[in-house]
Amino acid sequence: MEKELSVEAFLSNKVAVGVLRALIKRDMPLSVSRIAKDIRSNYCTVRRHARFLEKAGLVILVDYGKRKLCKTNTADGRVMAFKTFIESWNNLEKRE
């Protein structure tokens, strides 16, 4: 079941934004520990936010042996919109 998520709730959540940004940047499934290292957070916090994003339909958790990996749900238009936003933001920073 997909949980309703407002743009304000998502953007005000620094860890959730970091998780989704790390997944988009690497463009591959990542372990929670890898994401935690990338965004400089701890494992439990990232795991909690990854589950939050999964319930919102932005992230998919997939089994990889005994581990769970996170990947973006590219079928969700919000993920693609966020990816475009990040790319545009990065392009603007490069111009300055």
C-alpha atoms as a PDB file:
ATOM      1  CA  MET A   1       0.000   0.000   0.000  1.00  0.00           C
ATOM      2  CA  GLU A   2       1.373   3.363  -1.038  1.00  0.00           C
ATOM      3  CA  LYS A   3       1.445   6.078   1.609  1.00  0.00           C
ATOM      4  CA  GLU A   4       0.619   9.664   0.634  1.00  0.00           C
ATOM      5  CA  LEU A   5       3.714  11.863   0.754  1.00  0.00           C
ATOM      6  CA  SER A   6       3.615  15.623   0.318  1.00  0.00           C
ATOM      7  CA  VAL A   7       6.498  17.418  -1.331  1.00  0.00           C
ATOM      8  CA  GLU A   8       6.976  19.447   1.865  1.00  0.00           C
ATOM      9  CA  ALA A   9       7.214  16.315   4.009  1.00  0.00           C
ATOM     10  CA  PHE A  10       9.756  14.795   1.642  1.00  0.00           C
ATOM     11  CA  LEU A  11      11.941  17.877   1.138  1.00  0.00           C
ATOM     12  CA  SER A  12      11.973  18.698   4.857  1.00  0.00           C
ATOM     13  CA  ASN A  13      13.363  15.228   5.619  1.00  0.00           C
ATOM     14  CA  LYS A  14      17.132  15.583   5.144  1.00  0.00           C
ATOM     15  CA  VAL A  15      17.884  11.864   5.455  1.00  0.00           C
ATOM     16  CA  ALA A  16      15.132  10.788   3.048  1.00  0.00           C
ATOM     17  CA  VAL A  17      16.360  13.308   0.479  1.00  0.00           C
ATOM     18  CA  GLY A  18      19.912  12.036   0.997  1.00  0.00           C
ATOM     19  CA  VAL A  19      18.878   8.407   0.540  1.00  0.00           C
ATOM     20  CA  LEU A  20      17.034   9.105  -2.695  1.00  0.00           C
ATOM     21  CA  ARG A  21      19.811  11.370  -3.947  1.00  0.00           C
ATOM     22  CA  ALA A  22      22.480   8.705  -3.260  1.00  0.00           C
ATOM     23  CA  LEU A  23      20.450   6.091  -5.119  1.00  0.00           C
ATOM     24  CA  ILE A  24      19.922   8.399  -8.080  1.00  0.00           C
ATOM     25  CA  LYS A  25      23.585   9.438  -8.140  1.00  0.00           C
ATOM     26  CA  ARG A  26      24.918   5.872  -8.179  1.00  0.00           C
ATOM     27  CA  ASP A  27      22.109   4.608 -10.439  1.00  0.00           C
ATOM     28  CA  MET A  28      22.230   1.099  -9.011  1.00  0.00           C
ATOM     29  CA  PRO A  29      20.832  -0.845  -6.055  1.00  0.00           C
ATOM     30  CA  LEU A  30      22.734  -0.088  -2.846  1.00  0.00           C
ATOM     31  CA  SER A  31      22.872  -1.579   0.609  1.00  0.00           C
ATOM     32  CA  VAL A  32      21.682   0.474   3.545  1.00  0.00           C
ATOM     33  CA  SER A  33      25.232   0.503   4.924  1.00  0.00           C
ATOM     34  CA  ARG A  34      26.593   1.894   1.616  1.00  0.00           C
ATOM     35  CA  ILE A  35      23.949   4.621   1.572  1.00  0.00           C
ATOM     36  CA  ALA A  36      24.677   5.450   5.220  1.00  0.00           C
ATOM     37  CA  LYS A  37      28.353   5.867   4.402  1.00  0.00           C
ATOM     38  CA  ASP A  38      27.593   8.014   1.335  1.00  0.00           C
ATOM     39  CA  ILE A  39      25.306  10.402   3.194  1.00  0.00           C
ATOM     40  CA  ARG A  40      27.253  10.300   6.457  1.00  0.00           C
ATOM     41  CA  SER A  41      24.451   8.952   8.577  1.00  0.00           C
ATOM     42  CA  ASN A  42      24.043   5.821  10.669  1.00  0.00           C
ATOM     43  CA  TYR A  43      22.652   2.486   9.564  1.00  0.00           C
ATOM     44  CA  CYS A  44      19.478   2.501  11.699  1.00  0.00           C
ATOM     45  CA  THR A  45      18.485   5.988  10.595  1.00  0.00           C
ATOM     46  CA  VAL A  46      19.002   5.184   6.913  1.00  0.00           C
ATOM     47  CA  ARG A  47      17.127   1.891   7.227  1.00  0.00           C
ATOM     48  CA  ARG A  48      14.161   3.670   8.822  1.00  0.00           C
ATOM     49  CA  HIS A  49      14.095   6.305   6.084  1.00  0.00           C
ATOM     50  CA  ALA A  50      14.514   3.705   3.323  1.00  0.00           C
ATOM     51  CA  ARG A  51      11.396   1.958   4.657  1.00  0.00           C
ATOM     52  CA  PHE A  52       9.610   5.324   4.764  1.00  0.00           C
ATOM     53  CA  LEU A  53      10.520   5.889   1.100  1.00  0.00           C
ATOM     54  CA  GLU A  54       9.445   2.344   0.239  1.00  0.00           C
ATOM     55  CA  LYS A  55       6.010   2.917   1.801  1.00  0.00           C
ATOM     56  CA  ALA A  56       5.759   6.148  -0.196  1.00  0.00           C
ATOM     57  CA  GLY A  57       6.523   4.209  -3.395  1.00  0.00           C
ATOM     58  CA  LEU A  58       9.791   6.016  -4.185  1.00  0.00           C
ATOM     59  CA  VAL A  59      12.165   3.169  -3.320  1.00  0.00           C
ATOM     60  CA  ILE A  60      12.011  -0.577  -3.851  1.00  0.00           C
ATOM     61  CA  LEU A  61      13.754  -2.968  -1.455  1.00  0.00           C
ATOM     62  CA  VAL A  62      15.064  -6.076  -3.220  1.00  0.00           C
ATOM     63  CA  ASP A  63      16.513  -9.268  -1.784  1.00  0.00           C
ATOM     64  CA  TYR A  64      20.159  -9.911  -2.603  1.00  0.00           C
ATOM     65  CA  GLY A  65      21.114 -13.085  -0.801  1.00  0.00           C
ATOM     66  CA  LYS A  66      20.625 -12.425   2.898  1.00  0.00           C
ATOM     67  CA  ARG A  67      20.749  -8.668   2.379  1.00  0.00           C
ATOM     68  CA  LYS A  68      18.226  -6.124   1.209  1.00  0.00           C
ATOM     69  CA  LEU A  69      19.264  -3.575  -1.357  1.00  0.00           C
ATOM     70  CA  CYS A  70      17.506  -0.308  -2.096  1.00  0.00           C
ATOM     71  CA  LYS A  71      16.844   0.963  -5.573  1.00  0.00           C
ATOM     72  CA  THR A  72      14.811   3.805  -6.966  1.00  0.00           C
ATOM     73  CA  ASN A  73      11.340   3.087  -8.270  1.00  0.00           C
ATOM     74  CA  THR A  74      11.852   4.561 -11.733  1.00  0.00           C
ATOM     75  CA  ALA A  75       8.226   3.790 -12.586  1.00  0.00           C
ATOM     76  CA  ASP A  76       7.209   6.544 -10.163  1.00  0.00           C
ATOM     77  CA  GLY A  77       7.166   9.938 -11.860  1.00  0.00           C
ATOM     78  CA  ARG A  78       8.186  11.673  -8.627  1.00  0.00           C
ATOM     79  CA  VAL A  79      11.530   9.858  -8.704  1.00  0.00           C
ATOM     80  CA  MET A  80      12.179  10.965 -12.267  1.00  0.00           C
ATOM     81  CA  ALA A  81      11.113  14.527 -11.421  1.00  0.00           C
ATOM     82  CA  PHE A  82      13.505  14.569  -8.443  1.00  0.00           C
ATOM     83  CA  LYS A  83      16.299  13.199 -10.660  1.00  0.00           C
ATOM     84  CA  THR A  84      15.686  15.995 -13.176  1.00  0.00           C
ATOM     85  CA  PHE A  85      15.676  18.541 -10.336  1.00  0.00           C
ATOM     86  CA  ILE A  86      19.022  17.278  -9.000  1.00  0.00           C
ATOM     87  CA  GLU A  87      20.596  17.273 -12.469  1.00  0.00           C
ATOM     88  CA  SER A  88      19.351  20.811 -13.154  1.00  0.00           C
ATOM     89  CA  TRP A  89      20.633  22.012  -9.780  1.00  0.00           C
ATOM     90  CA  ASN A  90      24.050  20.444 -10.405  1.00  0.00           C
ATOM     91  CA  ASN A  91      24.247  21.999 -13.881  1.00  0.00           C
ATOM     92  CA  LEU A  92      23.524  25.442 -12.437  1.00  0.00           C
ATOM     93  CA  GLU A  93      26.248  25.016  -9.829  1.00  0.00           C
ATOM     94  CA  LYS A  94      28.788  24.093 -12.544  1.00  0.00           C
ATOM     95  CA  ARG A  95      28.037  27.299 -14.452  1.00  0.00           C
ATOM     96  CA  GLU A  96      28.821  29.543 -11.485  1.00  0.00           C
END
